[in-house]
PDB file of N, CA and C in Angstrom:
ATOM      1  N   MET A   1     175.551 146.144 199.239  1.00  0.00           N
ATOM      2  CA  MET A   1     175.780 145.021 199.425  1.00  0.00           C
ATOM      3  C   MET A   1     177.118 145.065 200.543  1.00  0.00           C
ATOM      4  N   THR A   2     177.471 145.474 201.735  1.00  0.00           N
ATOM      5  CA  THR A   2     177.983 145.717 202.121  1.00  0.00           C
ATOM      6  C   THR A   2     178.369 144.050 202.676  1.00  0.00           C
ATOM      7  N   PRO A   3     179.421 143.029 202.869  1.00  0.00           N
ATOM      8  CA  PRO A   3     179.430 141.865 203.943  1.00  0.00           C
ATOM      9  C   PRO A   3     178.661 141.827 204.414  1.00  0.00           C
ATOM     10  N   GLY A   4     177.724 141.936 206.043  1.00  0.00           N
ATOM     11  CA  GLY A   4     177.066 142.629 206.765  1.00  0.00           C
ATOM     12  C   GLY A   4     176.075 141.412 205.926  1.00  0.00           C
ATOM     13  N   CYS A   5     174.907 142.962 205.374  1.00  0.00           N
ATOM     14  CA  CYS A   5     174.319 142.229 204.632  1.00  0.00           C
ATOM     15  C   CYS A   5     174.021 140.925 203.975  1.00  0.00           C
ATOM     16  N   ILE A   6     175.274 141.019 202.617  1.00  0.00           N
ATOM     17  CA  ILE A   6     175.054 139.919 202.188  1.00  0.00           C
ATOM     18  C   ILE A   6     175.125 138.800 203.088  1.00  0.00           C
ATOM     19  N   THR A   7     175.870 138.727 203.846  1.00  0.00           N
ATOM     20  CA  THR A   7     174.999 137.262 205.144  1.00  0.00           C
ATOM     21  C   THR A   7     173.971 136.951 205.336  1.00  0.00           C
ATOM     22  N   GLU A   8     174.119 138.297 206.072  1.00  0.00           N
ATOM     23  CA  GLU A   8     172.183 138.795 206.289  1.00  0.00           C
ATOM     24  C   GLU A   8     171.088 137.526 206.541  1.00  0.00           C
ATOM     25  N   ALA A   9     171.037 138.316 204.541  1.00  0.00           N
ATOM     26  CA  ALA A   9     170.315 138.286 203.476  1.00  0.00           C
ATOM     27  C   ALA A   9     170.609 136.762 202.880  1.00  0.00           C
ATOM     28  N   CYS A  10     171.702 136.250 203.301  1.00  0.00           N
ATOM     29  CA  CYS A  10     172.055 134.664 202.136  1.00  0.00           C
ATOM     30  C   CYS A  10     171.925 133.625 203.697  1.00  0.00           C
ATOM     31  N   GLY A  11     171.755 134.063 205.138  1.00  0.00           N
ATOM     32  CA  GLY A  11     170.968 133.086 206.034  1.00  0.00           C
ATOM     33  C   GLY A  11     169.416 133.165 205.796  1.00  0.00           C
ATOM     34  N   LEU A  12     169.117 134.287 205.065  1.00  0.00           N
ATOM     35  CA  LEU A  12     167.569 134.527 205.757  1.00  0.00           C
ATOM     36  C   LEU A  12     167.063 133.228 204.342  1.00  0.00           C
ATOM     37  N   ARG A  13     168.248 134.042 203.469  1.00  0.00           N
ATOM     38  CA  ARG A  13     168.056 133.153 201.426  1.00  0.00           C
ATOM     39  C   ARG A  13     168.055 131.403 202.141  1.00  0.00           C
ATOM     40  N   ASP A  14     168.583 131.574 202.524  1.00  0.00           N
ATOM     41  CA  ASP A  14     169.407 129.541 203.244  1.00  0.00           C
ATOM     42  C   ASP A  14     168.529 128.690 203.697  1.00  0.00           C
ATOM     43  N   LEU A  15     167.494 129.619 204.936  1.00  0.00           N
ATOM     44  CA  LEU A  15     166.169 129.379 205.569  1.00  0.00           C
ATOM     45  C   LEU A  15     165.028 129.338 205.063  1.00  0.00           C
ATOM     46  N   HIS A  16     164.892 130.159 204.195  1.00  0.00           N
ATOM     47  CA  HIS A  16     163.407 130.725 203.370  1.00  0.00           C
ATOM     48  C   HIS A  16     162.283 130.208 203.900  1.00  0.00           C
ATOM     49  N   ILE A  17     162.589 128.581 203.375  1.00  0.00           N
ATOM     50  CA  ILE A  17     161.656 127.678 203.421  1.00  0.00           C
ATOM     51  C   ILE A  17     160.907 127.587 204.491  1.00  0.00           C
ATOM     52  N   GLU A  18     161.896 127.672 205.569  1.00  0.00           N
ATOM     53  CA  GLU A  18     162.349 127.078 207.078  1.00  0.00           C
ATOM     54  C   GLU A  18     161.039 128.314 207.690  1.00  0.00           C
ATOM     55  N   TYR A  19     161.551 129.534 206.910  1.00  0.00           N
ATOM     56  CA  TYR A  19     160.187 130.325 207.194  1.00  0.00           C
ATOM     57  C   TYR A  19     159.373 130.288 206.958  1.00  0.00           C
ATOM     58  N   ARG A  20     159.211 130.207 205.600  1.00  0.00           N
ATOM     59  CA  ARG A  20     157.136 129.797 204.881  1.00  0.00           C
ATOM     60  C   ARG A  20     156.615 129.141 205.775  1.00  0.00           C
ATOM     61  N   LYS A  21     156.956 128.027 205.964  1.00  0.00           N
ATOM     62  CA  LYS A  21     157.084 126.317 207.425  1.00  0.00           C
ATOM     63  C   LYS A  21     155.862 127.126 207.987  1.00  0.00           C
ATOM     64  N   LEU A  22     156.648 128.519 208.321  1.00  0.00           N
ATOM     65  CA  LEU A  22     156.223 128.969 209.410  1.00  0.00           C
ATOM     66  C   LEU A  22     155.145 130.435 210.069  1.00  0.00           C
ATOM     67  N   ASN A  23     154.663 130.502 208.461  1.00  0.00           N
ATOM     68  CA  ASN A  23     153.529 131.042 207.486  1.00  0.00           C
ATOM     69  C   ASN A  23     154.563 132.222 208.118  1.00  0.00           C
ATOM     70  N   ILE A  24     155.867 133.236 207.723  1.00  0.00           N
ATOM     71  CA  ILE A  24     156.083 133.974 208.495  1.00  0.00           C
ATOM     72  C   ILE A  24     156.663 134.325 206.793  1.00  0.00           C
ATOM     73  N   LEU A  25     156.343 136.552 207.077  1.00  0.00           N
ATOM     74  CA  LEU A  25     156.528 136.488 205.668  1.00  0.00           C
ATOM     75  C   LEU A  25     158.239 137.443 205.714  1.00  0.00           C
ATOM     76  N   ILE A  26     159.675 137.424 205.139  1.00  0.00           N
ATOM     77  CA  ILE A  26     161.111 138.259 204.867  1.00  0.00           C
ATOM     78  C   ILE A  26     160.016 139.044 204.832  1.00  0.00           C
ATOM     79  N   LEU A  27     160.592 140.634 205.022  1.00  0.00           N
ATOM     80  CA  LEU A  27     160.876 141.811 204.640  1.00  0.00           C
ATOM     81  C   LEU A  27     162.434 142.176 205.017  1.00  0.00           C
ATOM     82  N   GLY A  28     163.303 142.893 203.545  1.00  0.00           N
ATOM     83  CA  GLY A  28     164.462 143.518 204.137  1.00  0.00           C
ATOM     84  C   GLY A  28     163.479 144.990 203.478  1.00  0.00           C
ATOM     85  N   VAL A  29     164.737 145.997 204.457  1.00  0.00           N
ATOM     86  CA  VAL A  29     164.388 147.105 203.928  1.00  0.00           C
ATOM     87  C   VAL A  29     165.936 148.131 204.122  1.00  0.00           C
ATOM     88  N   SER A  30     166.220 148.681 203.325  1.00  0.00           N
ATOM     89  CA  SER A  30     168.096 149.389 202.515  1.00  0.00           C
ATOM     90  C   SER A  30     167.707 151.061 202.129  1.00  0.00           C
ATOM     91  N   ALA A  31     167.784 152.015 202.051  1.00  0.00           N
ATOM     92  CA  ALA A  31     168.747 152.689 202.034  1.00  0.00           C
ATOM     93  C   ALA A  31     168.373 152.896 200.659  1.00  0.00           C
ATOM     94  N   ASP A  32     168.756 151.828 200.211  1.00  0.00           N
ATOM     95  CA  ASP A  32     169.179 152.310 198.539  1.00  0.00           C
ATOM     96  C   ASP A  32     168.214 152.466 197.816  1.00  0.00           C
ATOM     97  N   GLY A  33     168.235 152.078 196.357  1.00  0.00           N
ATOM     98  CA  GLY A  33     166.557 152.676 195.327  1.00  0.00           C
ATOM     99  C   GLY A  33     166.909 151.527 194.599  1.00  0.00           C
ATOM    100  N   GLU A  34     166.051 151.704 193.869  1.00  0.00           N
ATOM    101  CA  GLU A  34     165.619 150.294 192.615  1.00  0.00           C
ATOM    102  C   GLU A  34     166.195 149.221 192.358  1.00  0.00           C
ATOM    103  N   LYS A  35     167.099 149.902 191.299  1.00  0.00           N
ATOM    104  CA  LYS A  35     168.724 149.898 190.588  1.00  0.00           C
ATOM    105  C   LYS A  35     169.425 148.542 191.607  1.00  0.00           C
ATOM    106  N   SER A  36     169.397 149.239 192.310  1.00  0.00           N
ATOM    107  CA  SER A  36     171.057 148.368 194.149  1.00  0.00           C
ATOM    108  C   SER A  36     169.154 146.956 194.552  1.00  0.00           C
ATOM    109  N   HIS A  37     168.671 147.615 194.902  1.00  0.00           N
ATOM    110  CA  HIS A  37     167.959 146.038 195.502  1.00  0.00           C
ATOM    111  C   HIS A  37     167.641 144.914 194.021  1.00  0.00           C
ATOM    112  N   ARG A  38     167.527 145.527 193.011  1.00  0.00           N
ATOM    113  CA  ARG A  38     167.202 144.335 191.799  1.00  0.00           C
ATOM    114  C   ARG A  38     168.587 144.112 191.282  1.00  0.00           C
ATOM    115  N   LYS A  39     169.691 144.676 191.136  1.00  0.00           N
ATOM    116  CA  LYS A  39     170.599 143.657 191.560  1.00  0.00           C
ATOM    117  C   LYS A  39     170.980 143.116 192.906  1.00  0.00           C
ATOM    118  N   PHE A  40     171.285 143.810 193.897  1.00  0.00           N
ATOM    119  CA  PHE A  40     171.264 142.723 194.402  1.00  0.00           C
ATOM    120  C   PHE A  40     170.588 141.273 195.676  1.00  0.00           C
ATOM    121  N   ILE A  41     169.449 141.518 194.538  1.00  0.00           N
ATOM    122  CA  ILE A  41     168.514 141.008 194.792  1.00  0.00           C
ATOM    123  C   ILE A  41     168.624 139.171 194.037  1.00  0.00           C
ATOM    124  N   THR A  42     168.497 139.646 192.153  1.00  0.00           N
ATOM    125  CA  THR A  42     169.826 138.573 191.612  1.00  0.00           C
ATOM    126  C   THR A  42     170.652 138.379 191.659  1.00  0.00           C
ATOM    127  N   LYS A  43     171.787 138.998 191.779  1.00  0.00           N
ATOM    128  CA  LYS A  43     172.917 138.684 192.505  1.00  0.00           C
ATOM    129  C   LYS A  43     173.087 137.219 193.420  1.00  0.00           C
ATOM    130  N   TYR A  44     171.640 137.041 194.127  1.00  0.00           N
ATOM    131  CA  TYR A  44     172.539 136.548 195.269  1.00  0.00           C
ATOM    132  C   TYR A  44     171.134 135.449 195.022  1.00  0.00           C
ATOM    133  N   ASP A  45     170.577 136.085 194.873  1.00  0.00           N
ATOM    134  CA  ASP A  45     169.386 134.915 194.258  1.00  0.00           C
ATOM    135  C   ASP A  45     168.517 135.471 195.539  1.00  0.00           C
ATOM    136  N   LEU A  46     167.744 136.401 195.799  1.00  0.00           N
ATOM    137  CA  LEU A  46     166.869 136.017 196.771  1.00  0.00           C
ATOM    138  C   LEU A  46     164.678 136.174 196.856  1.00  0.00           C
ATOM    139  N   PRO A  47     164.365 135.180 197.958  1.00  0.00           N
ATOM    140  CA  PRO A  47     163.065 134.796 197.501  1.00  0.00           C
ATOM    141  C   PRO A  47     162.037 136.053 198.461  1.00  0.00           C
ATOM    142  N   PHE A  48     163.016 136.916 198.406  1.00  0.00           N
ATOM    143  CA  PHE A  48     161.447 137.726 199.539  1.00  0.00           C
ATOM    144  C   PHE A  48     162.483 138.999 198.713  1.00  0.00           C
ATOM    145  N   PRO A  49     161.372 139.970 198.683  1.00  0.00           N
ATOM    146  CA  PRO A  49     160.806 141.553 198.788  1.00  0.00           C
ATOM    147  C   PRO A  49     161.909 142.166 199.346  1.00  0.00           C
ATOM    148  N   LEU A  50     163.359 143.840 199.163  1.00  0.00           N
ATOM    149  CA  LEU A  50     163.707 143.483 200.096  1.00  0.00           C
ATOM    150  C   LEU A  50     162.953 145.624 199.301  1.00  0.00           C
ATOM    151  N   LEU A  51     162.292 146.475 200.756  1.00  0.00           N
ATOM    152  CA  LEU A  51     161.806 147.665 200.815  1.00  0.00           C
ATOM    153  C   LEU A  51     162.677 149.079 200.653  1.00  0.00           C
ATOM    154  N   ILE A  52     162.241 150.288 199.300  1.00  0.00           N
ATOM    155  CA  ILE A  52     163.572 150.756 199.715  1.00  0.00           C
ATOM    156  C   ILE A  52     162.728 151.775 200.348  1.00  0.00           C
ATOM    157  N   ASP A  53     163.448 152.507 200.680  1.00  0.00           N
ATOM    158  CA  ASP A  53     163.157 153.506 202.240  1.00  0.00           C
ATOM    159  C   ASP A  53     164.199 154.280 202.071  1.00  0.00           C
ATOM    160  N   GLN A  54     164.033 155.336 201.112  1.00  0.00           N
ATOM    161  CA  GLN A  54     165.709 156.186 200.624  1.00  0.00           C
ATOM    162  C   GLN A  54     165.043 157.499 201.829  1.00  0.00           C
ATOM    163  N   ASP A  55     164.158 157.823 202.032  1.00  0.00           N
ATOM    164  CA  ASP A  55     163.717 158.676 202.922  1.00  0.00           C
ATOM    165  C   ASP A  55     163.812 158.620 204.153  1.00  0.00           C
ATOM    166  N   HIS A  56     163.903 157.561 204.252  1.00  0.00           N
ATOM    167  CA  HIS A  56     164.408 157.278 206.448  1.00  0.00           C
ATOM    168  C   HIS A  56     163.496 156.951 206.600  1.00  0.00           C
ATOM    169  N   SER A  57     161.902 157.634 206.678  1.00  0.00           N
ATOM    170  CA  SER A  57     160.258 157.581 206.766  1.00  0.00           C
ATOM    171  C   SER A  57     160.863 155.969 207.774  1.00  0.00           C
ATOM    172  N   MET A  58     161.169 155.448 207.361  1.00  0.00           N
ATOM    173  CA  MET A  58     159.984 153.685 207.683  1.00  0.00           C
ATOM    174  C   MET A  58     161.675 152.835 209.097  1.00  0.00           C
ATOM    175  N   SER A  59     162.819 153.762 208.519  1.00  0.00           N
ATOM    176  CA  SER A  59     163.860 153.437 209.573  1.00  0.00           C
ATOM    177  C   SER A  59     164.090 153.825 210.592  1.00  0.00           C
ATOM    178  N   GLU A  60     162.997 155.414 210.518  1.00  0.00           N
ATOM    179  CA  GLU A  60     163.416 156.578 212.051  1.00  0.00           C
ATOM    180  C   GLU A  60     161.715 155.654 212.555  1.00  0.00           C
ATOM    181  N   ALA A  61     160.617 155.804 211.919  1.00  0.00           N
ATOM    182  CA  ALA A  61     159.685 155.031 212.940  1.00  0.00           C
ATOM    183  C   ALA A  61     159.663 153.924 213.288  1.00  0.00           C
ATOM    184  N   PHE A  62     161.021 152.934 213.752  1.00  0.00           N
ATOM    185  CA  PHE A  62     161.689 152.710 213.436  1.00  0.00           C
ATOM    186  C   PHE A  62     162.109 151.888 214.390  1.00  0.00           C
ATOM    187  N   GLY A  63     163.068 153.917 214.980  1.00  0.00           N
ATOM    188  CA  GLY A  63     164.214 153.409 215.642  1.00  0.00           C
ATOM    189  C   GLY A  63     165.856 152.956 215.265  1.00  0.00           C
ATOM    190  N   VAL A  64     165.645 152.852 214.297  1.00  0.00           N
ATOM    191  CA  VAL A  64     166.753 152.634 213.640  1.00  0.00           C
ATOM    192  C   VAL A  64     167.821 152.490 213.074  1.00  0.00           C
ATOM    193  N   TRP A  65     167.374 154.140 212.503  1.00  0.00           N
ATOM    194  CA  TRP A  65     168.082 155.501 211.634  1.00  0.00           C
ATOM    195  C   TRP A  65     168.573 156.316 212.416  1.00  0.00           C
ATOM    196  N   GLY A  66     169.600 155.841 212.718  1.00  0.00           N
ATOM    197  CA  GLY A  66     171.337 157.790 213.476  1.00  0.00           C
ATOM    198  C   GLY A  66     172.592 157.442 212.675  1.00  0.00           C
ATOM    199  N   GLU A  67     173.766 158.500 214.349  1.00  0.00           N
ATOM    200  CA  GLU A  67     173.629 157.949 214.104  1.00  0.00           C
ATOM    201  C   GLU A  67     174.840 157.160 213.949  1.00  0.00           C
ATOM    202  N   LYS A  68     176.333 156.728 213.398  1.00  0.00           N
ATOM    203  CA  LYS A  68     176.642 155.617 213.620  1.00  0.00           C
ATOM    204  C   LYS A  68     178.459 155.343 212.865  1.00  0.00           C
ATOM    205  N   GLN A  69     179.411 155.293 213.661  1.00  0.00           N
ATOM    206  CA  GLN A  69     181.236 155.556 213.075  1.00  0.00           C
ATOM    207  C   GLN A  69     181.551 154.008 212.856  1.00  0.00           C
ATOM    208  N   PHE A  70     182.451 154.509 211.347  1.00  0.00           N
ATOM    209  CA  PHE A  70     183.251 153.132 210.770  1.00  0.00           C
ATOM    210  C   PHE A  70     184.295 153.583 210.486  1.00  0.00           C
ATOM    211  N   MET A  71     185.960 153.289 211.331  1.00  0.00           N
ATOM    212  CA  MET A  71     187.080 153.456 210.381  1.00  0.00           C
ATOM    213  C   MET A  71     186.645 155.521 211.067  1.00  0.00           C
ATOM    214  N   GLY A  72     186.272 154.993 212.057  1.00  0.00           N
ATOM    215  CA  GLY A  72     186.824 156.322 212.393  1.00  0.00           C
ATOM    216  C   GLY A  72     185.727 158.137 212.124  1.00  0.00           C
ATOM    217  N   LYS A  73     185.313 157.962 211.351  1.00  0.00           N
ATOM    218  CA  LYS A  73     184.317 158.213 210.717  1.00  0.00           C
ATOM    219  C   LYS A  73     183.156 158.033 211.372  1.00  0.00           C
ATOM    220  N   THR A  74     182.242 160.167 211.836  1.00  0.00           N
ATOM    221  CA  THR A  74     180.408 159.159 211.879  1.00  0.00           C
ATOM    222  C   THR A  74     180.204 160.049 210.731  1.00  0.00           C
ATOM    223  N   PHE A  75     178.275 159.556 210.808  1.00  0.00           N
ATOM    224  CA  PHE A  75     177.408 159.528 209.794  1.00  0.00           C
ATOM    225  C   PHE A  75     175.886 158.838 210.238  1.00  0.00           C
ATOM    226  N   ASN A  76     175.473 159.428 209.655  1.00  0.00           N
ATOM    227  CA  ASN A  76     173.696 158.732 209.923  1.00  0.00           C
ATOM    228  C   ASN A  76     173.601 157.951 209.478  1.00  0.00           C
ATOM    229  N   GLY A  77     173.123 156.219 209.226  1.00  0.00           N
ATOM    230  CA  GLY A  77     172.455 155.003 209.085  1.00  0.00           C
ATOM    231  C   GLY A  77     171.600 154.757 209.727  1.00  0.00           C
ATOM    232  N   ILE A  78     171.520 152.870 209.206  1.00  0.00           N
ATOM    233  CA  ILE A  78     169.977 152.534 209.022  1.00  0.00           C
ATOM    234  C   ILE A  78     171.257 151.726 210.620  1.00  0.00           C
ATOM    235  N   HIS A  79     170.942 151.140 211.411  1.00  0.00           N
ATOM    236  CA  HIS A  79     171.461 150.403 212.493  1.00  0.00           C
ATOM    237  C   HIS A  79     170.549 148.903 212.003  1.00  0.00           C
ATOM    238  N   ARG A  80     171.469 147.593 211.017  1.00  0.00           N
ATOM    239  CA  ARG A  80     171.375 146.547 212.099  1.00  0.00           C
ATOM    240  C   ARG A  80     170.161 146.111 213.009  1.00  0.00           C
ATOM    241  N   MET A  81     169.152 146.343 212.992  1.00  0.00           N
ATOM    242  CA  MET A  81     167.592 145.920 214.159  1.00  0.00           C
ATOM    243  C   MET A  81     167.006 144.719 212.474  1.00  0.00           C
ATOM    244  N   SER A  82     166.287 144.662 213.681  1.00  0.00           N
ATOM    245  CA  SER A  82     165.171 143.195 212.626  1.00  0.00           C
ATOM    246  C   SER A  82     163.743 143.332 213.543  1.00  0.00           C
ATOM    247  N   PHE A  83     163.679 142.839 213.022  1.00  0.00           N
ATOM    248  CA  PHE A  83     161.729 143.024 214.131  1.00  0.00           C
ATOM    249  C   PHE A  83     160.676 141.314 213.782  1.00  0.00           C
ATOM    250  N   LEU A  84     160.212 140.964 214.840  1.00  0.00           N
ATOM    251  CA  LEU A  84     159.027 140.428 214.532  1.00  0.00           C
ATOM    252  C   LEU A  84     157.899 141.063 214.343  1.00  0.00           C
ATOM    253  N   LEU A  85     157.179 141.049 213.543  1.00  0.00           N
ATOM    254  CA  LEU A  85     155.801 141.431 213.308  1.00  0.00           C
ATOM    255  C   LEU A  85     154.152 140.774 213.249  1.00  0.00           C
ATOM    256  N   SER A  86     153.766 141.208 214.027  1.00  0.00           N
ATOM    257  CA  SER A  86     152.549 140.207 213.916  1.00  0.00           C
ATOM    258  C   SER A  86     151.301 140.512 212.614  1.00  0.00           C
ATOM    259  N   GLU A  87     150.228 139.530 212.017  1.00  0.00           N
ATOM    260  CA  GLU A  87     149.755 140.691 211.364  1.00  0.00           C
ATOM    261  C   GLU A  87     149.181 141.655 211.124  1.00  0.00           C
ATOM    262  N   SER A  88     149.299 141.583 212.388  1.00  0.00           N
ATOM    263  CA  SER A  88     148.237 143.241 213.251  1.00  0.00           C
ATOM    264  C   SER A  88     149.059 144.243 212.865  1.00  0.00           C
ATOM    265  N   GLY A  89     151.100 143.707 212.790  1.00  0.00           N
ATOM    266  CA  GLY A  89     152.190 145.534 212.714  1.00  0.00           C
ATOM    267  C   GLY A  89     153.024 145.116 213.445  1.00  0.00           C
ATOM    268  N   LYS A  90     152.092 144.961 214.932  1.00  0.00           N
ATOM    269  CA  LYS A  90     153.008 144.856 216.542  1.00  0.00           C
ATOM    270  C   LYS A  90     153.770 144.336 217.006  1.00  0.00           C
ATOM    271  N   ILE A  91     154.740 144.736 216.809  1.00  0.00           N
ATOM    272  CA  ILE A  91     156.170 144.597 217.287  1.00  0.00           C
ATOM    273  C   ILE A  91     156.297 143.414 218.899  1.00  0.00           C
ATOM    274  N   GLU A  92     155.970 142.061 217.973  1.00  0.00           N
ATOM    275  CA  GLU A  92     156.679 141.027 219.314  1.00  0.00           C
ATOM    276  C   GLU A  92     157.597 140.807 219.259  1.00  0.00           C
ATOM    277  N   ARG A  93     158.276 141.198 218.435  1.00  0.00           N
ATOM    278  CA  ARG A  93     159.860 140.751 219.409  1.00  0.00           C
ATOM    279  C   ARG A  93     160.969 141.580 218.073  1.00  0.00           C
ATOM    280  N   ALA A  94     162.092 142.722 218.804  1.00  0.00           N
ATOM    281  CA  ALA A  94     162.712 143.779 218.079  1.00  0.00           C
ATOM    282  C   ALA A  94     164.471 142.627 218.738  1.00  0.00           C
ATOM    283  N   TYR A  95     165.181 142.782 218.062  1.00  0.00           N
ATOM    284  CA  TYR A  95     166.589 142.242 217.773  1.00  0.00           C
ATOM    285  C   TYR A  95     167.527 143.875 217.694  1.00  0.00           C
ATOM    286  N   HIS A  96     167.832 143.942 218.317  1.00  0.00           N
ATOM    287  CA  HIS A  96     169.188 145.180 218.269  1.00  0.00           C
ATOM    288  C   HIS A  96     170.049 145.387 218.738  1.00  0.00           C
ATOM    289  N   LYS A  97     170.569 143.731 218.088  1.00  0.00           N
ATOM    290  CA  LYS A  97     172.287 143.224 218.181  1.00  0.00           C
ATOM    291  C   LYS A  97     172.783 142.357 217.429  1.00  0.00           C
ATOM    292  N   VAL A  98     172.116 142.692 216.092  1.00  0.00           N
ATOM    293  CA  VAL A  98     171.903 141.647 214.959  1.00  0.00           C
ATOM    294  C   VAL A  98     173.950 140.919 214.893  1.00  0.00           C
ATOM    295  N   LYS A  99     173.937 139.365 214.674  1.00  0.00           N
ATOM    296  CA  LYS A  99     174.678 139.032 214.202  1.00  0.00           C
ATOM    297  C   LYS A  99     174.783 138.537 212.947  1.00  0.00           C
ATOM    298  N   PRO A 100     175.659 139.678 212.046  1.00  0.00           N
ATOM    299  CA  PRO A 100     174.632 138.578 210.777  1.00  0.00           C
ATOM    300  C   PRO A 100     174.811 137.282 210.012  1.00  0.00           C
ATOM    301  N   ALA A 101     175.980 136.258 210.846  1.00  0.00           N
ATOM    302  CA  ALA A 101     175.995 134.795 209.862  1.00  0.00           C
ATOM    303  C   ALA A 101     174.901 134.255 211.057  1.00  0.00           C
ATOM    304  N   ASP A 102     174.212 134.908 212.721  1.00  0.00           N
ATOM    305  CA  ASP A 102     173.859 133.726 213.374  1.00  0.00           C
ATOM    306  C   ASP A 102     172.124 134.216 213.263  1.00  0.00           C
ATOM    307  N   HIS A 103     171.659 135.274 212.408  1.00  0.00           N
ATOM    308  CA  HIS A 103     170.415 135.809 212.978  1.00  0.00           C
ATOM    309  C   HIS A 103     169.601 134.130 212.023  1.00  0.00           C
ATOM    310  N   ALA A 104     169.570 134.362 211.103  1.00  0.00           N
ATOM    311  CA  ALA A 104     168.504 133.598 210.376  1.00  0.00           C
ATOM    312  C   ALA A 104     168.336 131.795 211.529  1.00  0.00           C
ATOM    313  N   LYS A 105     168.781 131.602 212.304  1.00  0.00           N
ATOM    314  CA  LYS A 105     168.671 130.424 212.754  1.00  0.00           C
ATOM    315  C   LYS A 105     168.687 131.297 214.293  1.00  0.00           C
ATOM    316  N   GLN A 106     169.102 131.915 215.144  1.00  0.00           N
ATOM    317  CA  GLN A 106     167.729 132.542 215.488  1.00  0.00           C
ATOM    318  C   GLN A 106     166.826 133.157 215.518  1.00  0.00           C
ATOM    319  N   VAL A 107     166.635 133.769 214.887  1.00  0.00           N
ATOM    320  CA  VAL A 107     164.474 134.174 214.746  1.00  0.00           C
ATOM    321  C   VAL A 107     164.774 132.810 214.359  1.00  0.00           C
ATOM    322  N   LEU A 108     164.293 131.581 213.809  1.00  0.00           N
ATOM    323  CA  LEU A 108     163.695 130.421 213.412  1.00  0.00           C
ATOM    324  C   LEU A 108     163.316 130.022 214.706  1.00  0.00           C
ATOM    325  N   SER A 109     164.696 129.879 215.460  1.00  0.00           N
ATOM    326  CA  SER A 109     164.510 128.906 217.047  1.00  0.00           C
ATOM    327  C   SER A 109     163.763 129.065 217.577  1.00  0.00           C
ATOM    328  N   ASP A 110     164.026 130.897 217.817  1.00  0.00           N
ATOM    329  CA  ASP A 110     162.683 131.890 219.269  1.00  0.00           C
ATOM    330  C   ASP A 110     161.443 131.716 218.150  1.00  0.00           C
ATOM    331  N   LEU A 111     161.023 131.931 216.860  1.00  0.00           N
ATOM    332  CA  LEU A 111     160.533 131.399 216.580  1.00  0.00           C
ATOM    333  C   LEU A 111     158.584 129.469 217.181  1.00  0.00           C
ATOM    334  N   SER A 112     160.490 128.604 217.097  1.00  0.00           N
ATOM    335  CA  SER A 112     160.143 127.632 217.104  1.00  0.00           C
ATOM    336  C   SER A 112     159.708 127.040 218.868  1.00  0.00           C
ATOM    337  N   ASN A 113     160.411 128.163 219.764  1.00  0.00           N
ATOM    338  CA  ASN A 113     160.241 127.747 221.118  1.00  0.00           C
ATOM    339  C   ASN A 113     158.598 128.818 221.134  1.00  0.00           C
TER     340      ASN A 113
END
């Protein structure tokens, strides 16, 4: 429930119908547990699932788990990134620098081009 996660998730929620028209399935991923996910989905009325990655295996496989810094502290966590995957699971495009407020519109624009 960080401000960036809320902004990004709500942006995707608000454009969810446009993504569905393009047959795009949105999946969120977080290291939080089931209770936290249910609360987040309910609170923000998200129409897409959040996958639980508590062991960080998915995050590590996609190369988004690693060292981060916040307020002078260093810790391991998930870097804010997203990926467009083909139906076969191949990464078609990676977004390494996600700006939460603009991301949903940026990806939709990329899909339309």
